[in-house]
C-alpha atoms as a PDB file:
ATOM      1  CA  MET A   1     101.627  95.627  68.603  1.00  0.00           C
ATOM      2  CA  LYS A   2     104.242  93.810  66.528  1.00  0.00           C
ATOM      3  CA  ILE A   3     107.741  93.397  68.063  1.00  0.00           C
ATOM      4  CA  SER A   4     109.199  94.961  64.923  1.00  0.00           C
ATOM      5  CA  HIS A   5     107.257  98.174  65.705  1.00  0.00           C
ATOM      6  CA  LEU A   6     108.702  98.487  69.236  1.00  0.00           C
ATOM      7  CA  THR A   7     111.497 100.897  70.045  1.00  0.00           C
ATOM      8  CA  LEU A   8     114.847  99.488  71.178  1.00  0.00           C
ATOM      9  CA  ALA A   9     114.033 100.487  74.787  1.00  0.00           C
ATOM     10  CA  ASP A  10     110.652  98.702  74.594  1.00  0.00           C
ATOM     11  CA  LYS A  11     112.302  95.545  73.211  1.00  0.00           C
ATOM     12  CA  ILE A  12     114.775  95.616  76.116  1.00  0.00           C
ATOM     13  CA  THR A  13     111.819  95.899  78.556  1.00  0.00           C
ATOM     14  CA  PHE A  14     110.155  93.036  76.844  1.00  0.00           C
ATOM     15  CA  LEU A  15     113.289  90.973  77.189  1.00  0.00           C
ATOM     16  CA  ARG A  16     113.035  91.453  80.938  1.00  0.00           C
ATOM     17  CA  ILE A  17     109.629  89.684  80.882  1.00  0.00           C
ATOM     18  CA  LEU A  18     110.996  86.888  78.685  1.00  0.00           C
ATOM     19  CA  LEU A  19     113.848  86.254  81.203  1.00  0.00           C
ATOM     20  CA  ILE A  20     111.418  85.486  84.008  1.00  0.00           C
ATOM     21  CA  PRO A  21     110.480  81.863  82.977  1.00  0.00           C
ATOM     22  CA  LEU A  22     114.210  81.087  82.482  1.00  0.00           C
ATOM     23  CA  PHE A  23     114.957  82.526  85.959  1.00  0.00           C
ATOM     24  CA  LEU A  24     112.262  80.403  87.537  1.00  0.00           C
ATOM     25  CA  VAL A  25     113.383  77.199  85.829  1.00  0.00           C
ATOM     26  CA  LEU A  26     116.965  77.680  86.958  1.00  0.00           C
ATOM     27  CA  LEU A  27     115.960  78.477  90.528  1.00  0.00           C
ATOM     28  CA  LEU A  28     113.313  75.749  91.021  1.00  0.00           C
ATOM     29  CA  ALA A  29     114.738  72.797  88.908  1.00  0.00           C
ATOM     30  CA  LYS A  30     116.209  70.302  91.457  1.00  0.00           C
ATOM     31  CA  ASN A  31     118.330  68.621  88.796  1.00  0.00           C
ATOM     32  CA  LEU A  32     120.270  71.774  88.182  1.00  0.00           C
ATOM     33  CA  GLU A  33     121.696  71.978  91.677  1.00  0.00           C
ATOM     34  CA  PRO A  34     124.160  73.135  92.904  1.00  0.00           C
ATOM     35  CA  PHE A  35     124.745  75.527  89.965  1.00  0.00           C
ATOM     36  CA  GLY A  36     121.057  76.269  89.284  1.00  0.00           C
ATOM     37  CA  PRO A  37     120.795  78.991  91.974  1.00  0.00           C
ATOM     38  CA  TYR A  38     123.834  80.826  90.843  1.00  0.00           C
ATOM     39  CA  LEU A  39     122.687  80.811  87.248  1.00  0.00           C
ATOM     40  CA  ALA A  40     119.256  81.947  88.423  1.00  0.00           C
ATOM     41  CA  ALA A  41     120.840  84.816  90.349  1.00  0.00           C
ATOM     42  CA  LEU A  42     122.828  85.802  87.242  1.00  0.00           C
ATOM     43  CA  VAL A  43     119.694  85.795  85.073  1.00  0.00           C
ATOM     44  CA  PHE A  44     117.700  87.759  87.727  1.00  0.00           C
ATOM     45  CA  ALA A  45     120.542  90.358  88.002  1.00  0.00           C
ATOM     46  CA  THR A  46     120.745  90.677  84.134  1.00  0.00           C
ATOM     47  CA  ALA A  47     116.865  91.103  84.008  1.00  0.00           C
ATOM     48  CA  ALA A  48     117.087  93.700  86.783  1.00  0.00           C
ATOM     49  CA  LEU A  49     119.881  95.490  84.947  1.00  0.00           C
ATOM     50  CA  THR A  50     117.711  95.892  81.839  1.00  0.00           C
ATOM     51  CA  ASP A  51     115.512  98.168  83.925  1.00  0.00           C
ATOM     52  CA  THR A  52     118.347 100.708  83.899  1.00  0.00           C
ATOM     53  CA  VAL A  53     119.417 100.045  80.367  1.00  0.00           C
ATOM     54  CA  ASP A  54     115.943 100.526  78.789  1.00  0.00           C
ATOM     55  CA  GLY A  55     115.472 103.859  80.560  1.00  0.00           C
ATOM     56  CA  PHE A  56     118.885 105.091  79.426  1.00  0.00           C
ATOM     57  CA  VAL A  57     118.235 103.969  75.821  1.00  0.00           C
ATOM     58  CA  ALA A  58     114.856 105.667  75.783  1.00  0.00           C
ATOM     59  CA  ARG A  59     116.318 109.010  76.976  1.00  0.00           C
ATOM     60  CA  ILE A  60     119.268 108.838  74.624  1.00  0.00           C
ATOM     61  CA  GLN A  61     117.061 108.145  71.598  1.00  0.00           C
ATOM     62  CA  LYS A  62     114.343 110.416  72.924  1.00  0.00           C
ATOM     63  CA  LYS A  63     111.733 107.721  72.258  1.00  0.00           C
ATOM     64  CA  ILE A  64     109.686 107.405  75.398  1.00  0.00           C
ATOM     65  CA  THR A  65     106.479 105.730  74.279  1.00  0.00           C
ATOM     66  CA  ALA A  66     103.105 105.231  76.021  1.00  0.00           C
ATOM     67  CA  PHE A  67     103.522 101.468  75.635  1.00  0.00           C
ATOM     68  CA  GLY A  68     106.972 101.628  77.243  1.00  0.00           C
ATOM     69  CA  GLN A  69     105.627 103.668  80.098  1.00  0.00           C
ATOM     70  CA  PHE A  70     103.031 100.930  80.712  1.00  0.00           C
ATOM     71  CA  LEU A  71     105.244  97.921  80.094  1.00  0.00           C
ATOM     72  CA  ASP A  72     108.328  99.054  82.099  1.00  0.00           C
ATOM     73  CA  PRO A  73     106.804  99.150  85.596  1.00  0.00           C
ATOM     74  CA  LEU A  74     104.719  96.058  84.761  1.00  0.00           C
ATOM     75  CA  ALA A  75     107.928  94.108  83.862  1.00  0.00           C
ATOM     76  CA  ASP A  76     109.468  95.281  87.169  1.00  0.00           C
ATOM     77  CA  LYS A  77     106.497  94.069  89.158  1.00  0.00           C
ATOM     78  CA  LEU A  78     106.365  90.746  87.375  1.00  0.00           C
ATOM     79  CA  LEU A  79     110.066  90.077  87.935  1.00  0.00           C
ATOM     80  CA  ILE A  80     110.029  90.947  91.640  1.00  0.00           C
ATOM     81  CA  THR A  81     106.727  89.032  92.209  1.00  0.00           C
ATOM     82  CA  ALA A  82     108.049  85.941  90.441  1.00  0.00           C
ATOM     83  CA  ALA A  83     111.253  86.028  92.526  1.00  0.00           C
ATOM     84  CA  LEU A  84     109.347  86.406  95.846  1.00  0.00           C
ATOM     85  CA  VAL A  85     106.863  83.647  95.133  1.00  0.00           C
ATOM     86  CA  ALA A  86     109.728  81.270  94.103  1.00  0.00           C
ATOM     87  CA  LEU A  87     111.669  82.126  97.343  1.00  0.00           C
ATOM     88  CA  VAL A  88     108.522  81.327  99.304  1.00  0.00           C
ATOM     89  CA  ASN A  89     108.182  78.040  97.366  1.00  0.00           C
ATOM     90  CA  ILE A  90     111.706  76.951  98.310  1.00  0.00           C
ATOM     91  CA  ASN A  91     111.314  78.094 101.923  1.00  0.00           C
ATOM     92  CA  LEU A  92     113.789  80.966 101.780  1.00  0.00           C
ATOM     93  CA  LEU A  93     111.180  83.635 102.546  1.00  0.00           C
ATOM     94  CA  ALA A  94     108.149  83.901 104.768  1.00  0.00           C
ATOM     95  CA  LEU A  95     104.798  84.157 102.863  1.00  0.00           C
ATOM     96  CA  TRP A  96     103.704  87.247 104.749  1.00  0.00           C
ATOM     97  CA  VAL A  97     106.787  89.177 103.738  1.00  0.00           C
ATOM     98  CA  ALA A  98     106.245  88.303 100.027  1.00  0.00           C
ATOM     99  CA  LEU A  99     102.531  89.182 100.196  1.00  0.00           C
ATOM    100  CA  THR A 100     103.259  92.538 101.884  1.00  0.00           C
ATOM    101  CA  ILE A 101     105.772  93.535  99.159  1.00  0.00           C
ATOM    102  CA  ILE A 102     103.583  92.285  96.334  1.00  0.00           C
ATOM    103  CA  PHE A 103     100.457  94.059  97.708  1.00  0.00           C
ATOM    104  CA  ARG A 104     102.325  97.358  97.979  1.00  0.00           C
ATOM    105  CA  GLU A 105     103.771  97.031  94.464  1.00  0.00           C
ATOM    106  CA  PHE A 106     100.472  96.331  92.716  1.00  0.00           C
ATOM    107  CA  LEU A 107      98.577  98.871  94.836  1.00  0.00           C
ATOM    108  CA  VAL A 108     100.983 101.654  93.790  1.00  0.00           C
ATOM    109  CA  SER A 109     100.864 100.423  90.146  1.00  0.00           C
ATOM    110  CA  ALA A 110      97.066 100.550  90.289  1.00  0.00           C
ATOM    111  CA  LEU A 111      97.147 104.103  91.597  1.00  0.00           C
ATOM    112  CA  ARG A 112      99.687 105.068  88.872  1.00  0.00           C
ATOM    113  CA  THR A 113      97.388 103.624  86.246  1.00  0.00           C
ATOM    114  CA  TYR A 114      94.613 105.768  87.658  1.00  0.00           C
ATOM    115  CA  ALA A 115      96.895 108.800  87.360  1.00  0.00           C
ATOM    116  CA  VAL A 116      97.671 108.003  83.794  1.00  0.00           C
ATOM    117  CA  ALA A 117      93.902 107.757  83.102  1.00  0.00           C
ATOM    118  CA  LYS A 118      93.641 111.304  84.382  1.00  0.00           C
ATOM    119  CA  GLY A 119      96.505 112.412  82.144  1.00  0.00           C
ATOM    120  CA  LYS A 120      98.980 112.701  84.911  1.00  0.00           C
ATOM    121  CA  THR A 121     102.235 110.923  85.842  1.00  0.00           C
ATOM    122  CA  ILE A 122     104.164 110.770  89.045  1.00  0.00           C
ATOM    123  CA  PRO A 123     107.989 111.015  89.208  1.00  0.00           C
ATOM    124  CA  ALA A 124     110.095 108.429  91.014  1.00  0.00           C
ATOM    125  CA  SER A 125     111.011 109.236  94.559  1.00  0.00           C
ATOM    126  CA  PHE A 126     114.463 108.624  96.019  1.00  0.00           C
ATOM    127  CA  LEU A 127     112.926 106.394  98.557  1.00  0.00           C
ATOM    128  CA  GLY A 128     111.179 104.380  95.827  1.00  0.00           C
ATOM    129  CA  LYS A 129     114.537 103.837  94.096  1.00  0.00           C
ATOM    130  CA  LEU A 130     116.159 102.726  97.241  1.00  0.00           C
ATOM    131  CA  LYS A 131     113.275 100.273  97.742  1.00  0.00           C
ATOM    132  CA  THR A 132     113.823  98.752  94.333  1.00  0.00           C
ATOM    133  CA  VAL A 133     117.574  98.360  94.751  1.00  0.00           C
ATOM    134  CA  SER A 134     117.145  96.819  98.288  1.00  0.00           C
ATOM    135  CA  GLN A 135     114.638  94.269  96.908  1.00  0.00           C
ATOM    136  CA  ILE A 136     116.959  93.253  94.098  1.00  0.00           C
ATOM    137  CA  LEU A 137     120.001  92.871  96.443  1.00  0.00           C
ATOM    138  CA  ALA A 138     118.002  90.966  99.011  1.00  0.00           C
ATOM    139  CA  ILE A 139     116.639  88.511  96.389  1.00  0.00           C
ATOM    140  CA  ILE A 140     120.033  87.863  94.841  1.00  0.00           C
ATOM    141  CA  VAL A 141     121.779  87.299  98.170  1.00  0.00           C
ATOM    142  CA  LEU A 142     118.986  84.915  99.352  1.00  0.00           C
ATOM    143  CA  ILE A 143     119.277  82.950  96.065  1.00  0.00           C
ATOM    144  CA  ILE A 144     123.073  82.683  96.140  1.00  0.00           C
ATOM    145  CA  ASN A 145     123.740  81.960  99.812  1.00  0.00           C
ATOM    146  CA  PRO A 146     120.857  82.154 102.303  1.00  0.00           C
ATOM    147  CA  SER A 147     123.114  80.912 105.083  1.00  0.00           C
ATOM    148  CA  PHE A 148     125.847  83.510 104.718  1.00  0.00           C
ATOM    149  CA  PHE A 149     126.199  85.130 108.185  1.00  0.00           C
ATOM    150  CA  VAL A 150     127.723  88.336 109.408  1.00  0.00           C
ATOM    151  CA  LEU A 151     127.530  89.282 113.098  1.00  0.00           C
ATOM    152  CA  GLY A 152     125.269  86.336 113.717  1.00  0.00           C
ATOM    153  CA  LYS A 153     122.570  87.358 111.210  1.00  0.00           C
ATOM    154  CA  PRO A 154     122.051  86.065 107.669  1.00  0.00           C
ATOM    155  CA  ILE A 155     122.841  88.866 105.239  1.00  0.00           C
ATOM    156  CA  GLY A 156     119.967  87.968 102.995  1.00  0.00           C
ATOM    157  CA  TRP A 157     117.563  88.115 105.941  1.00  0.00           C
ATOM    158  CA  MET A 158     118.855  91.555 106.965  1.00  0.00           C
ATOM    159  CA  LEU A 159     118.657  92.885 103.399  1.00  0.00           C
ATOM    160  CA  MET A 160     115.038  91.602 103.077  1.00  0.00           C
ATOM    161  CA  VAL A 161     114.075  93.271 106.367  1.00  0.00           C
ATOM    162  CA  LEU A 162     115.554  96.570 104.985  1.00  0.00           C
ATOM    163  CA  ALA A 163     113.682  95.995 101.717  1.00  0.00           C
ATOM    164  CA  LEU A 164     110.446  95.396 103.483  1.00  0.00           C
ATOM    165  CA  CYS A 165     110.824  98.546 105.619  1.00  0.00           C
ATOM    166  CA  LEU A 166     111.610 100.693 102.564  1.00  0.00           C
ATOM    167  CA  THR A 167     108.695  99.057 100.592  1.00  0.00           C
ATOM    168  CA  ILE A 168     106.278 100.012 103.369  1.00  0.00           C
ATOM    169  CA  PHE A 169     107.703 103.520 103.868  1.00  0.00           C
ATOM    170  CA  SER A 170     107.872 104.294 100.163  1.00  0.00           C
ATOM    171  CA  GLY A 171     104.269 103.083  99.813  1.00  0.00           C
ATOM    172  CA  GLY A 172     103.267 105.350 102.619  1.00  0.00           C
ATOM    173  CA  GLU A 173     105.114 108.242 101.072  1.00  0.00           C
ATOM    174  CA  PHE A 174     103.196 107.660  97.834  1.00  0.00           C
ATOM    175  CA  LEU A 175      99.848 107.648  99.582  1.00  0.00           C
ATOM    176  CA  ILE A 176     100.564 110.653 101.744  1.00  0.00           C
ATOM    177  CA  TRP A 177     102.256 112.947  99.196  1.00  0.00           C
ATOM    178  CA  TYR A 178     101.187 111.879  95.768  1.00  0.00           C
ATOM    179  CA  PHE A 179      97.784 110.170  95.817  1.00  0.00           C
ATOM    180  CA  PRO A 180      95.901 113.280  97.190  1.00  0.00           C
ATOM    181  CA  SER A 181      97.402 115.311  94.373  1.00  0.00           C
ATOM    182  CA  LEU A 182      95.662 113.125  91.773  1.00  0.00           C
ATOM    183  CA  ARG A 183      92.562 115.200  92.451  1.00  0.00           C
ATOM    184  CA  SER A 184      94.425 118.348  91.354  1.00  0.00           C
ATOM    185  CA  SER A 185      97.484 119.226  89.324  1.00  0.00           C
ATOM    186  CA  ARG A 186      99.597 120.039  92.406  1.00  0.00           C
ATOM    187  CA  GLY A 187     102.616 117.734  92.844  1.00  0.00           C
ATOM    188  CA  VAL A 188     101.965 115.756  89.686  1.00  0.00           C
ATOM    189  CA  HIS A 189     103.969 116.390  86.541  1.00  0.00           C
ATOM    190  CA  SER A 190     102.877 115.863  82.981  1.00  0.00           C
ATOM    191  CA  ASN A 191     105.016 113.935  80.492  1.00  0.00           C
ATOM    192  CA  THR A 192     107.081 112.346  83.240  1.00  0.00           C
ATOM    193  CA  LEU A 193     108.416 108.795  82.773  1.00  0.00           C
ATOM    194  CA  LEU A 194     106.463 106.477  85.061  1.00  0.00           C
ATOM    195  CA  LYS A 195     108.621 104.744  87.687  1.00  0.00           C
ATOM    196  CA  ASP A 196     108.615 104.047  91.360  1.00  0.00           C
END
């Protein structure tokens, strides 16, 4: 598919993917310190914000495409995965935490792809939305100032623990409430924008 044929919302989603290499360079390049991490956090926050913007544009223009439904959650997963792997690389995050979150994200994405193959889509849950926000906030705080303490605990660490818990709970919610419904029409809605 040519870029010129994409809707504005799809182009914004595609921009989110294009920002990932820039984010990684700013975060990992040693010669950009001390400003690199702050610029990386800004780029990451901008990329994360496009997730809200593309959905808003798609609804306003009433142009929700199948390609966009596929690309949007993929862009989210790639952005979060890149950030987590980079944080592990610079020793700001434990490997097992990153792997747990990444495994959940791609497991749910695989199940959603299975749902699409059956002509069904699953609406976003409130817990899933909280999970995404908590992940983004935790990553930004860890990038900007991993040693910022409140009540004796690093804020980034506390936010990441919260993100990890919400990631596990929302994954469990998906498996308990939505996955069994893929065998029937109960609890799964047609023509619903794919998000989690």
